[in-house]
């Protein structure tokens, strides 16, 4: 079974499997399905704002589609979450992404 099918199977069995949802978005990116990846990552963050790894990828996708304003918004929300989780590594990555936009 291919990765995408396997991930969809995991998600169907447990819709709160954020790891599999995030991984599915990464597979969609590899296939060039940017809009689907955005939808998936957006839903991961909406359902679990503490799933910090999705913010950077989502912001990058918004940058890739030319929506720097939305990317900045996502990065800033991610920084807020990283601060609340005391995840200084993630915060640094998100801040670097912001600095590269400006």
PDB file of N, CA and C in Angstrom:
ATOM      1  N   UNK A   1       0.853  -1.182   0.000  1.00  0.00           N
ATOM      2  CA  UNK A   1       0.000   0.000   0.000  1.00  0.00           C
ATOM      3  C   UNK A   1       0.894   1.240   0.000  1.00  0.00           C
ATOM      4  N   UNK A   2       0.553   2.217  -0.824  1.00  0.00           N
ATOM      5  CA  UNK A   2       1.379   3.413  -0.895  1.00  0.00           C
ATOM      6  C   UNK A   2       1.182   4.280   0.357  1.00  0.00           C
ATOM      7  N   UNK A   3       2.084   5.205   0.563  1.00  0.00           N
ATOM      8  CA  UNK A   3       2.073   6.049   1.768  1.00  0.00           C
ATOM      9  C   UNK A   3       0.774   6.822   1.941  1.00  0.00           C
ATOM     10  N   UNK A   4       0.306   7.416   0.867  1.00  0.00           N
ATOM     11  CA  UNK A   4      -0.897   8.239   0.964  1.00  0.00           C
ATOM     12  C   UNK A   4      -2.094   7.396   1.382  1.00  0.00           C
ATOM     13  N   UNK A   5      -2.235   6.245   0.778  1.00  0.00           N
ATOM     14  CA  UNK A   5      -3.345   5.351   1.151  1.00  0.00           C
ATOM     15  C   UNK A   5      -3.227   4.916   2.604  1.00  0.00           C
ATOM     16  N   UNK A   6      -2.023   4.601   3.013  1.00  0.00           N
ATOM     17  CA  UNK A   6      -1.796   4.174   4.399  1.00  0.00           C
ATOM     18  C   UNK A   6      -2.115   5.307   5.373  1.00  0.00           C
ATOM     19  N   UNK A   7      -1.681   6.500   5.052  1.00  0.00           N
ATOM     20  CA  UNK A   7      -1.961   7.647   5.927  1.00  0.00           C
ATOM     21  C   UNK A   7      -3.455   7.926   6.001  1.00  0.00           C
ATOM     22  N   UNK A   8      -4.130   7.854   4.861  1.00  0.00           N
ATOM     23  CA  UNK A   8      -5.582   8.066   4.857  1.00  0.00           C
ATOM     24  C   UNK A   8      -6.290   6.998   5.701  1.00  0.00           C
ATOM     25  N   UNK A   9      -5.780   5.796   5.668  1.00  0.00           N
ATOM     26  CA  UNK A   9      -6.339   4.708   6.482  1.00  0.00           C
ATOM     27  C   UNK A   9      -6.160   5.021   7.972  1.00  0.00           C
ATOM     28  N   UNK A  10      -4.973   5.470   8.348  1.00  0.00           N
ATOM     29  CA  UNK A  10      -4.718   5.840   9.751  1.00  0.00           C
ATOM     30  C   UNK A  10      -5.657   6.965  10.192  1.00  0.00           C
ATOM     31  N   UNK A  11      -5.822   7.963   9.322  1.00  0.00           N
ATOM     32  CA  UNK A  11      -6.656   9.120   9.653  1.00  0.00           C
ATOM     33  C   UNK A  11      -8.116   8.716   9.762  1.00  0.00           C
ATOM     34  N   UNK A  12      -8.559   7.838   8.882  1.00  0.00           N
ATOM     35  CA  UNK A  12      -9.948   7.355   8.949  1.00  0.00           C
ATOM     36  C   UNK A  12     -10.196   6.628  10.264  1.00  0.00           C
ATOM     37  N   UNK A  13      -9.206   5.886  10.718  1.00  0.00           N
ATOM     38  CA  UNK A  13      -9.336   5.149  11.979  1.00  0.00           C
ATOM     39  C   UNK A  13      -9.265   6.083  13.188  1.00  0.00           C
ATOM     40  N   UNK A  14      -8.503   7.166  13.057  1.00  0.00           N
ATOM     41  CA  UNK A  14      -8.337   8.109  14.164  1.00  0.00           C
ATOM     42  C   UNK A  14      -8.156   9.525  13.602  1.00  0.00           C
ATOM     43  N   UNK A  15      -9.248  10.260  13.433  1.00  0.00           N
ATOM     44  CA  UNK A  15      -9.155  11.616  12.877  1.00  0.00           C
ATOM     45  C   UNK A  15      -8.283  12.569  13.707  1.00  0.00           C
ATOM     46  N   UNK A  16      -8.002  12.212  14.947  1.00  0.00           N
ATOM     47  CA  UNK A  16      -7.144  13.048  15.790  1.00  0.00           C
ATOM     48  C   UNK A  16      -5.679  12.620  15.728  1.00  0.00           C
ATOM     49  N   UNK A  17      -5.342  11.813  14.741  1.00  0.00           N
ATOM     50  CA  UNK A  17      -3.956  11.403  14.519  1.00  0.00           C
ATOM     51  C   UNK A  17      -3.258  12.531  13.758  1.00  0.00           C
ATOM     52  N   UNK A  18      -2.809  13.524  14.509  1.00  0.00           N
ATOM     53  CA  UNK A  18      -2.236  14.725  13.906  1.00  0.00           C
ATOM     54  C   UNK A  18      -0.930  14.433  13.185  1.00  0.00           C
ATOM     55  N   UNK A  19      -0.194  13.465  13.674  1.00  0.00           N
ATOM     56  CA  UNK A  19       1.046  13.084  13.005  1.00  0.00           C
ATOM     57  C   UNK A  19       0.749  12.604  11.584  1.00  0.00           C
ATOM     58  N   UNK A  20      -0.236  11.732  11.440  1.00  0.00           N
ATOM     59  CA  UNK A  20      -0.583  11.207  10.113  1.00  0.00           C
ATOM     60  C   UNK A  20      -1.173  12.293   9.226  1.00  0.00           C
ATOM     61  N   UNK A  21      -1.953  13.187   9.799  1.00  0.00           N
ATOM     62  CA  UNK A  21      -2.517  14.291   9.014  1.00  0.00           C
ATOM     63  C   UNK A  21      -1.406  15.203   8.508  1.00  0.00           C
ATOM     64  N   UNK A  22      -0.452  15.514   9.390  1.00  0.00           N
ATOM     65  CA  UNK A  22       0.685  16.348   8.988  1.00  0.00           C
ATOM     66  C   UNK A  22       1.496  15.624   7.903  1.00  0.00           C
ATOM     67  N   UNK A  23       1.730  14.341   8.107  1.00  0.00           N
ATOM     68  CA  UNK A  23       2.494  13.560   7.127  1.00  0.00           C
ATOM     69  C   UNK A  23       1.778  13.512   5.777  1.00  0.00           C
ATOM     70  N   UNK A  24       0.462  13.414   5.795  1.00  0.00           N
ATOM     71  CA  UNK A  24      -0.307  13.427   4.546  1.00  0.00           C
ATOM     72  C   UNK A  24      -0.105  14.760   3.819  1.00  0.00           C
ATOM     73  N   UNK A  25      -0.097  15.845   4.555  1.00  0.00           N
ATOM     74  CA  UNK A  25       0.156  17.146   3.938  1.00  0.00           C
ATOM     75  C   UNK A  25       1.537  17.175   3.282  1.00  0.00           C
ATOM     76  N   UNK A  26       2.539  16.597   3.930  1.00  0.00           N
ATOM     77  CA  UNK A  26       3.882  16.567   3.360  1.00  0.00           C
ATOM     78  C   UNK A  26       3.896  15.758   2.061  1.00  0.00           C
ATOM     79  N   UNK A  27       3.128  14.675   2.031  1.00  0.00           N
ATOM     80  CA  UNK A  27       3.023  13.878   0.802  1.00  0.00           C
ATOM     81  C   UNK A  27       2.334  14.670  -0.304  1.00  0.00           C
ATOM     82  N   UNK A  28       1.327  15.451   0.058  1.00  0.00           N
ATOM     83  CA  UNK A  28       0.631  16.270  -0.930  1.00  0.00           C
ATOM     84  C   UNK A  28       1.578  17.318  -1.523  1.00  0.00           C
ATOM     85  N   UNK A  29       2.449  17.855  -0.683  1.00  0.00           N
ATOM     86  CA  UNK A  29       3.436  18.824  -1.168  1.00  0.00           C
ATOM     87  C   UNK A  29       4.338  18.161  -2.208  1.00  0.00           C
ATOM     88  N   UNK A  30       4.794  16.950  -1.914  1.00  0.00           N
ATOM     89  CA  UNK A  30       5.662  16.228  -2.854  1.00  0.00           C
ATOM     90  C   UNK A  30       4.973  16.034  -4.201  1.00  0.00           C
ATOM     91  N   UNK A  31       3.655  15.854  -4.180  1.00  0.00           N
ATOM     92  CA  UNK A  31       2.896  15.648  -5.412  1.00  0.00           C
ATOM     93  C   UNK A  31       2.538  16.964  -6.104  1.00  0.00           C
ATOM     94  N   UNK A  32       2.843  18.085  -5.455  1.00  0.00           N
ATOM     95  CA  UNK A  32       2.509  19.383  -6.015  1.00  0.00           C
ATOM     96  C   UNK A  32       1.086  19.829  -5.711  1.00  0.00           C
ATOM     97  N   UNK A  33       0.410  19.129  -4.817  1.00  0.00           N
ATOM     98  CA  UNK A  33      -0.964  19.472  -4.428  1.00  0.00           C
ATOM     99  C   UNK A  33      -0.929  20.460  -3.266  1.00  0.00           C
ATOM    100  N   UNK A  34      -0.466  21.655  -3.559  1.00  0.00           N
ATOM    101  CA  UNK A  34      -0.235  22.675  -2.536  1.00  0.00           C
ATOM    102  C   UNK A  34      -1.537  23.067  -1.834  1.00  0.00           C
ATOM    103  N   UNK A  35      -2.605  23.275  -2.599  1.00  0.00           N
ATOM    104  CA  UNK A  35      -3.867  23.689  -1.975  1.00  0.00           C
ATOM    105  C   UNK A  35      -4.400  22.636  -1.020  1.00  0.00           C
ATOM    106  N   UNK A  36      -4.286  21.364  -1.389  1.00  0.00           N
ATOM    107  CA  UNK A  36      -4.732  20.298  -0.487  1.00  0.00           C
ATOM    108  C   UNK A  36      -3.857  20.257   0.759  1.00  0.00           C
ATOM    109  N   UNK A  37      -2.560  20.451   0.591  1.00  0.00           N
ATOM    110  CA  UNK A  37      -1.650  20.480   1.738  1.00  0.00           C
ATOM    111  C   UNK A  37      -2.007  21.634   2.676  1.00  0.00           C
ATOM    112  N   UNK A  38      -2.330  22.787   2.103  1.00  0.00           N
ATOM    113  CA  UNK A  38      -2.729  23.941   2.917  1.00  0.00           C
ATOM    114  C   UNK A  38      -3.981  23.602   3.717  1.00  0.00           C
ATOM    115  N   UNK A  39      -4.959  23.008   3.066  1.00  0.00           N
ATOM    116  CA  UNK A  39      -6.202  22.636   3.759  1.00  0.00           C
ATOM    117  C   UNK A  39      -5.932  21.686   4.913  1.00  0.00           C
ATOM    118  N   UNK A  40      -5.079  20.707   4.674  1.00  0.00           N
ATOM    119  CA  UNK A  40      -4.785  19.715   5.713  1.00  0.00           C
ATOM    120  C   UNK A  40      -4.068  20.375   6.892  1.00  0.00           C
ATOM    121  N   UNK A  41      -3.022  21.144   6.613  1.00  0.00           N
ATOM    122  CA  UNK A  41      -2.268  21.783   7.693  1.00  0.00           C
ATOM    123  C   UNK A  41      -3.120  22.796   8.443  1.00  0.00           C
ATOM    124  N   UNK A  42      -3.945  23.511   7.715  1.00  0.00           N
ATOM    125  CA  UNK A  42      -4.862  24.458   8.348  1.00  0.00           C
ATOM    126  C   UNK A  42      -5.788  23.728   9.320  1.00  0.00           C
ATOM    127  N   UNK A  43      -6.277  22.563   8.912  1.00  0.00           N
ATOM    128  CA  UNK A  43      -7.181  21.806   9.783  1.00  0.00           C
ATOM    129  C   UNK A  43      -6.447  21.220  10.988  1.00  0.00           C
ATOM    130  N   UNK A  44      -5.193  20.828  10.802  1.00  0.00           N
ATOM    131  CA  UNK A  44      -4.404  20.325  11.933  1.00  0.00           C
ATOM    132  C   UNK A  44      -4.273  21.413  12.988  1.00  0.00           C
ATOM    133  N   UNK A  45      -3.900  22.618  12.545  1.00  0.00           N
ATOM    134  CA  UNK A  45      -3.721  23.727  13.480  1.00  0.00           C
ATOM    135  C   UNK A  45      -5.044  24.135  14.120  1.00  0.00           C
ATOM    136  N   UNK A  46      -6.112  24.126  13.344  1.00  0.00           N
ATOM    137  CA  UNK A  46      -7.422  24.489  13.896  1.00  0.00           C
ATOM    138  C   UNK A  46      -7.863  23.489  14.968  1.00  0.00           C
ATOM    139  N   UNK A  47      -7.603  22.221  14.716  1.00  0.00           N
ATOM    140  CA  UNK A  47      -8.015  21.171  15.653  1.00  0.00           C
ATOM    141  C   UNK A  47      -7.068  21.014  16.837  1.00  0.00           C
ATOM    142  N   UNK A  48      -5.788  21.332  16.616  1.00  0.00           N
ATOM    143  CA  UNK A  48      -4.792  21.169  17.667  1.00  0.00           C
ATOM    144  C   UNK A  48      -3.742  22.277  17.534  1.00  0.00           C
ATOM    145  N   UNK A  49      -4.038  23.467  18.067  1.00  0.00           N
ATOM    146  CA  UNK A  49      -3.113  24.597  17.936  1.00  0.00           C
ATOM    147  C   UNK A  49      -1.715  24.321  18.499  1.00  0.00           C
ATOM    148  N   UNK A  50      -1.583  23.340  19.352  1.00  0.00           N
ATOM    149  CA  UNK A  50      -0.276  23.021  19.932  1.00  0.00           C
ATOM    150  C   UNK A  50       0.568  22.129  19.019  1.00  0.00           C
ATOM    151  N   UNK A  51       0.035  21.714  17.872  1.00  0.00           N
ATOM    152  CA  UNK A  51       0.823  20.893  16.948  1.00  0.00           C
ATOM    153  C   UNK A  51       1.759  21.825  16.186  1.00  0.00           C
ATOM    154  N   UNK A  52       2.802  22.203  16.860  1.00  0.00           N
ATOM    155  CA  UNK A  52       3.675  23.308  16.478  1.00  0.00           C
ATOM    156  C   UNK A  52       4.387  23.119  15.139  1.00  0.00           C
ATOM    157  N   UNK A  53       4.682  21.903  14.765  1.00  0.00           N
ATOM    158  CA  UNK A  53       5.417  21.659  13.524  1.00  0.00           C
ATOM    159  C   UNK A  53       4.676  22.067  12.267  1.00  0.00           C
ATOM    160  N   UNK A  54       3.372  22.168  12.350  1.00  0.00           N
ATOM    161  CA  UNK A  54       2.591  22.491  11.153  1.00  0.00           C
ATOM    162  C   UNK A  54       2.642  23.965  10.778  1.00  0.00           C
ATOM    163  N   UNK A  55       2.940  24.836  11.720  1.00  0.00           N
ATOM    164  CA  UNK A  55       2.937  26.273  11.435  1.00  0.00           C
ATOM    165  C   UNK A  55       3.995  26.662  10.401  1.00  0.00           C
ATOM    166  N   UNK A  56       5.191  26.160  10.566  1.00  0.00           N
ATOM    167  CA  UNK A  56       6.267  26.520   9.647  1.00  0.00           C
ATOM    168  C   UNK A  56       5.951  26.046   8.231  1.00  0.00           C
ATOM    169  N   UNK A  57       5.486  24.817   8.110  1.00  0.00           N
ATOM    170  CA  UNK A  57       5.174  24.272   6.790  1.00  0.00           C
ATOM    171  C   UNK A  57       4.003  25.012   6.144  1.00  0.00           C
ATOM    172  N   UNK A  58       2.991  25.323   6.941  1.00  0.00           N
ATOM    173  CA  UNK A  58       1.847  26.052   6.408  1.00  0.00           C
ATOM    174  C   UNK A  58       2.256  27.447   5.949  1.00  0.00           C
ATOM    175  N   UNK A  59       3.047  28.123   6.758  1.00  0.00           N
ATOM    176  CA  UNK A  59       3.524  29.447   6.371  1.00  0.00           C
ATOM    177  C   UNK A  59       4.332  29.409   5.088  1.00  0.00           C
ATOM    178  N   UNK A  60       5.181  28.416   4.948  1.00  0.00           N
ATOM    179  CA  UNK A  60       5.985  28.291   3.731  1.00  0.00           C
ATOM    180  C   UNK A  60       5.095  28.071   2.501  1.00  0.00           C
ATOM    181  N   UNK A  61       4.040  27.293   2.698  1.00  0.00           N
ATOM    182  CA  UNK A  61       3.119  27.067   1.577  1.00  0.00           C
ATOM    183  C   UNK A  61       2.425  28.365   1.174  1.00  0.00           C
ATOM    184  N   UNK A  62       2.030  29.155   2.159  1.00  0.00           N
ATOM    185  CA  UNK A  62       1.425  30.443   1.833  1.00  0.00           C
ATOM    186  C   UNK A  62       2.426  31.341   1.110  1.00  0.00           C
ATOM    187  N   UNK A  63       3.679  31.307   1.534  1.00  0.00           N
ATOM    188  CA  UNK A  63       4.707  32.080   0.826  1.00  0.00           C
ATOM    189  C   UNK A  63       4.827  31.600  -0.616  1.00  0.00           C
ATOM    190  N   UNK A  64       4.838  30.285  -0.781  1.00  0.00           N
ATOM    191  CA  UNK A  64       4.977  29.684  -2.109  1.00  0.00           C
ATOM    192  C   UNK A  64       3.846  30.110  -3.040  1.00  0.00           C
ATOM    193  N   UNK A  65       2.669  30.313  -2.492  1.00  0.00           N
ATOM    194  CA  UNK A  65       1.524  30.724  -3.313  1.00  0.00           C
ATOM    195  C   UNK A  65       1.430  32.246  -3.440  1.00  0.00           C
ATOM    196  N   UNK A  66       2.429  32.953  -2.896  1.00  0.00           N
ATOM    197  CA  UNK A  66       2.470  34.404  -3.042  1.00  0.00           C
ATOM    198  C   UNK A  66       1.681  35.163  -1.995  1.00  0.00           C
ATOM    199  N   UNK A  67       1.268  34.499  -0.936  1.00  0.00           N
ATOM    200  CA  UNK A  67       0.471  35.154   0.099  1.00  0.00           C
ATOM    201  C   UNK A  67       1.330  35.379   1.351  1.00  0.00           C
ATOM    202  N   UNK A  68       2.243  36.342   1.245  1.00  0.00           N
ATOM    203  CA  UNK A  68       3.162  36.629   2.344  1.00  0.00           C
ATOM    204  C   UNK A  68       2.422  37.115   3.586  1.00  0.00           C
ATOM    205  N   UNK A  69       1.334  37.847   3.395  1.00  0.00           N
ATOM    206  CA  UNK A  69       0.564  38.347   4.538  1.00  0.00           C
ATOM    207  C   UNK A  69      -0.003  37.187   5.365  1.00  0.00           C
ATOM    208  N   UNK A  70      -0.552  36.208   4.689  1.00  0.00           N
ATOM    209  CA  UNK A  70      -1.104  35.038   5.387  1.00  0.00           C
ATOM    210  C   UNK A  70       0.033  34.233   6.030  1.00  0.00           C
ATOM    211  N   UNK A  71       1.156  34.134   5.347  1.00  0.00           N
ATOM    212  CA  UNK A  71       2.319  33.435   5.908  1.00  0.00           C
ATOM    213  C   UNK A  71       2.754  34.084   7.209  1.00  0.00           C
ATOM    214  N   UNK A  72       2.851  35.415   7.221  1.00  0.00           N
ATOM    215  CA  UNK A  72       3.233  36.128   8.437  1.00  0.00           C
ATOM    216  C   UNK A  72       2.243  35.861   9.570  1.00  0.00           C
ATOM    217  N   UNK A  73       0.969  35.862   9.244  1.00  0.00           N
ATOM    218  CA  UNK A  73      -0.055  35.585  10.255  1.00  0.00           C
ATOM    219  C   UNK A  73       0.141  34.191  10.863  1.00  0.00           C
ATOM    220  N   UNK A  74       0.397  33.215  10.013  1.00  0.00           N
ATOM    221  CA  UNK A  74       0.602  31.843  10.493  1.00  0.00           C
ATOM    222  C   UNK A  74       1.868  31.765  11.346  1.00  0.00           C
ATOM    223  N   UNK A  75       2.950  32.366  10.879  1.00  0.00           N
ATOM    224  CA  UNK A  75       4.196  32.352  11.646  1.00  0.00           C
ATOM    225  C   UNK A  75       3.996  32.997  13.026  1.00  0.00           C
ATOM    226  N   UNK A  76       3.287  34.123  13.058  1.00  0.00           N
ATOM    227  CA  UNK A  76       3.059  34.813  14.334  1.00  0.00           C
ATOM    228  C   UNK A  76       2.204  33.977  15.281  1.00  0.00           C
ATOM    229  N   UNK A  77       1.171  33.315  14.753  1.00  0.00           N
ATOM    230  CA  UNK A  77       0.365  32.410  15.592  1.00  0.00           C
ATOM    231  C   UNK A  77       1.231  31.269  16.103  1.00  0.00           C
ATOM    232  N   UNK A  78       2.124  30.777  15.254  1.00  0.00           N
ATOM    233  CA  UNK A  78       3.032  29.710  15.658  1.00  0.00           C
ATOM    234  C   UNK A  78       3.979  30.157  16.761  1.00  0.00           C
ATOM    235  N   UNK A  79       4.480  31.372  16.653  1.00  0.00           N
ATOM    236  CA  UNK A  79       5.361  31.909  17.697  1.00  0.00           C
ATOM    237  C   UNK A  79       4.610  31.997  19.018  1.00  0.00           C
ATOM    238  N   UNK A  80       3.379  32.455  18.966  1.00  0.00           N
ATOM    239  CA  UNK A  80       2.566  32.530  20.188  1.00  0.00           C
ATOM    240  C   UNK A  80       2.434  31.140  20.824  1.00  0.00           C
ATOM    241  N   UNK A  81       2.156  30.142  20.016  1.00  0.00           N
ATOM    242  CA  UNK A  81       2.038  28.771  20.534  1.00  0.00           C
ATOM    243  C   UNK A  81       3.382  28.270  21.056  1.00  0.00           C
ATOM    244  N   UNK A  82       4.437  28.525  20.308  1.00  0.00           N
ATOM    245  CA  UNK A  82       5.770  28.081  20.728  1.00  0.00           C
ATOM    246  C   UNK A  82       6.142  28.699  22.068  1.00  0.00           C
ATOM    247  N   UNK A  83       5.827  29.975  22.241  1.00  0.00           N
ATOM    248  CA  UNK A  83       6.098  30.636  23.519  1.00  0.00           C
ATOM    249  C   UNK A  83       5.321  29.962  24.650  1.00  0.00           C
ATOM    250  N   UNK A  84       4.047  29.660  24.397  1.00  0.00           N
ATOM    251  CA  UNK A  84       3.236  29.048  25.459  1.00  0.00           C
ATOM    252  C   UNK A  84       3.717  27.632  25.778  1.00  0.00           C
ATOM    253  N   UNK A  85       4.315  26.960  24.791  1.00  0.00           N
ATOM    254  CA  UNK A  85       4.831  25.604  25.004  1.00  0.00           C
ATOM    255  C   UNK A  85       6.296  25.600  25.439  1.00  0.00           C
ATOM    256  N   UNK A  86       6.890  26.794  25.459  1.00  0.00           N
ATOM    257  CA  UNK A  86       8.317  26.943  25.765  1.00  0.00           C
ATOM    258  C   UNK A  86       9.186  26.129  24.796  1.00  0.00           C
ATOM    259  N   UNK A  87       8.760  26.123  23.533  1.00  0.00           N
ATOM    260  CA  UNK A  87       9.495  25.435  22.474  1.00  0.00           C
ATOM    261  C   UNK A  87      10.346  26.479  21.757  1.00  0.00           C
ATOM    262  N   UNK A  88      11.527  26.709  22.295  1.00  0.00           N
ATOM    263  CA  UNK A  88      12.379  27.775  21.811  1.00  0.00           C
ATOM    264  C   UNK A  88      12.975  27.480  20.437  1.00  0.00           C
ATOM    265  N   UNK A  89      13.166  26.211  20.131  1.00  0.00           N
ATOM    266  CA  UNK A  89      13.672  25.839  18.810  1.00  0.00           C
ATOM    267  C   UNK A  89      12.647  26.205  17.730  1.00  0.00           C
ATOM    268  N   UNK A  90      11.400  25.792  17.939  1.00  0.00           N
ATOM    269  CA  UNK A  90      10.341  26.110  16.974  1.00  0.00           C
ATOM    270  C   UNK A  90      10.170  27.620  16.864  1.00  0.00           C
ATOM    271  N   UNK A  91      10.229  28.305  17.999  1.00  0.00           N
ATOM    272  CA  UNK A  91      10.081  29.760  17.986  1.00  0.00           C
ATOM    273  C   UNK A  91      11.168  30.392  17.124  1.00  0.00           C
ATOM    274  N   UNK A  92      12.386  29.918  17.273  1.00  0.00           N
ATOM    275  CA  UNK A  92      13.498  30.448  16.489  1.00  0.00           C
ATOM    276  C   UNK A  92      13.313  30.218  14.998  1.00  0.00           C
ATOM    277  N   UNK A  93      12.845  29.029  14.624  1.00  0.00           N
ATOM    278  CA  UNK A  93      12.606  28.739  13.209  1.00  0.00           C
ATOM    279  C   UNK A  93      11.516  29.652  12.645  1.00  0.00           C
ATOM    280  N   UNK A  94      10.456  29.845  13.417  1.00  0.00           N
ATOM    281  CA  UNK A  94       9.358  30.696  12.967  1.00  0.00           C
ATOM    282  C   UNK A  94       9.812  32.154  12.864  1.00  0.00           C
ATOM    283  N   UNK A  95      10.617  32.614  13.818  1.00  0.00           N
ATOM    284  CA  UNK A  95      11.113  33.982  13.773  1.00  0.00           C
ATOM    285  C   UNK A  95      12.029  34.169  12.577  1.00  0.00           C
ATOM    286  N   UNK A  96      12.855  33.192  12.283  1.00  0.00           N
ATOM    287  CA  UNK A  96      13.727  33.270  11.107  1.00  0.00           C
ATOM    288  C   UNK A  96      12.897  33.359   9.830  1.00  0.00           C
ATOM    289  N   UNK A  97      11.812  32.604   9.768  1.00  0.00           N
ATOM    290  CA  UNK A  97      10.940  32.658   8.588  1.00  0.00           C
ATOM    291  C   UNK A  97      10.345  34.062   8.423  1.00  0.00           C
ATOM    292  N   UNK A  98       9.956  34.671   9.524  1.00  0.00           N
ATOM    293  CA  UNK A  98       9.435  36.043   9.471  1.00  0.00           C
ATOM    294  C   UNK A  98      10.516  36.999   9.006  1.00  0.00           C
ATOM    295  N   UNK A  99      11.702  36.863   9.562  1.00  0.00           N
ATOM    296  CA  UNK A  99      12.806  37.760   9.204  1.00  0.00           C
ATOM    297  C   UNK A  99      13.140  37.654   7.723  1.00  0.00           C
ATOM    298  N   UNK A 100      13.000  36.487   7.153  1.00  0.00           N
ATOM    299  CA  UNK A 100      13.317  36.310   5.730  1.00  0.00           C
ATOM    300  C   UNK A 100      12.250  36.928   4.820  1.00  0.00           C
ATOM    301  N   UNK A 101      11.037  37.080   5.330  1.00  0.00           N
ATOM    302  CA  UNK A 101       9.983  37.731   4.544  1.00  0.00           C
ATOM    303  C   UNK A 101      10.225  39.236   4.512  1.00  0.00           C
ATOM    304  N   UNK A 102      10.563  39.782   5.665  1.00  0.00           N
ATOM    305  CA  UNK A 102      10.740  41.255   5.778  1.00  0.00           C
ATOM    306  C   UNK A 102      11.926  41.692   5.036  1.00  0.00           C
TER     307      UNK A 102
END
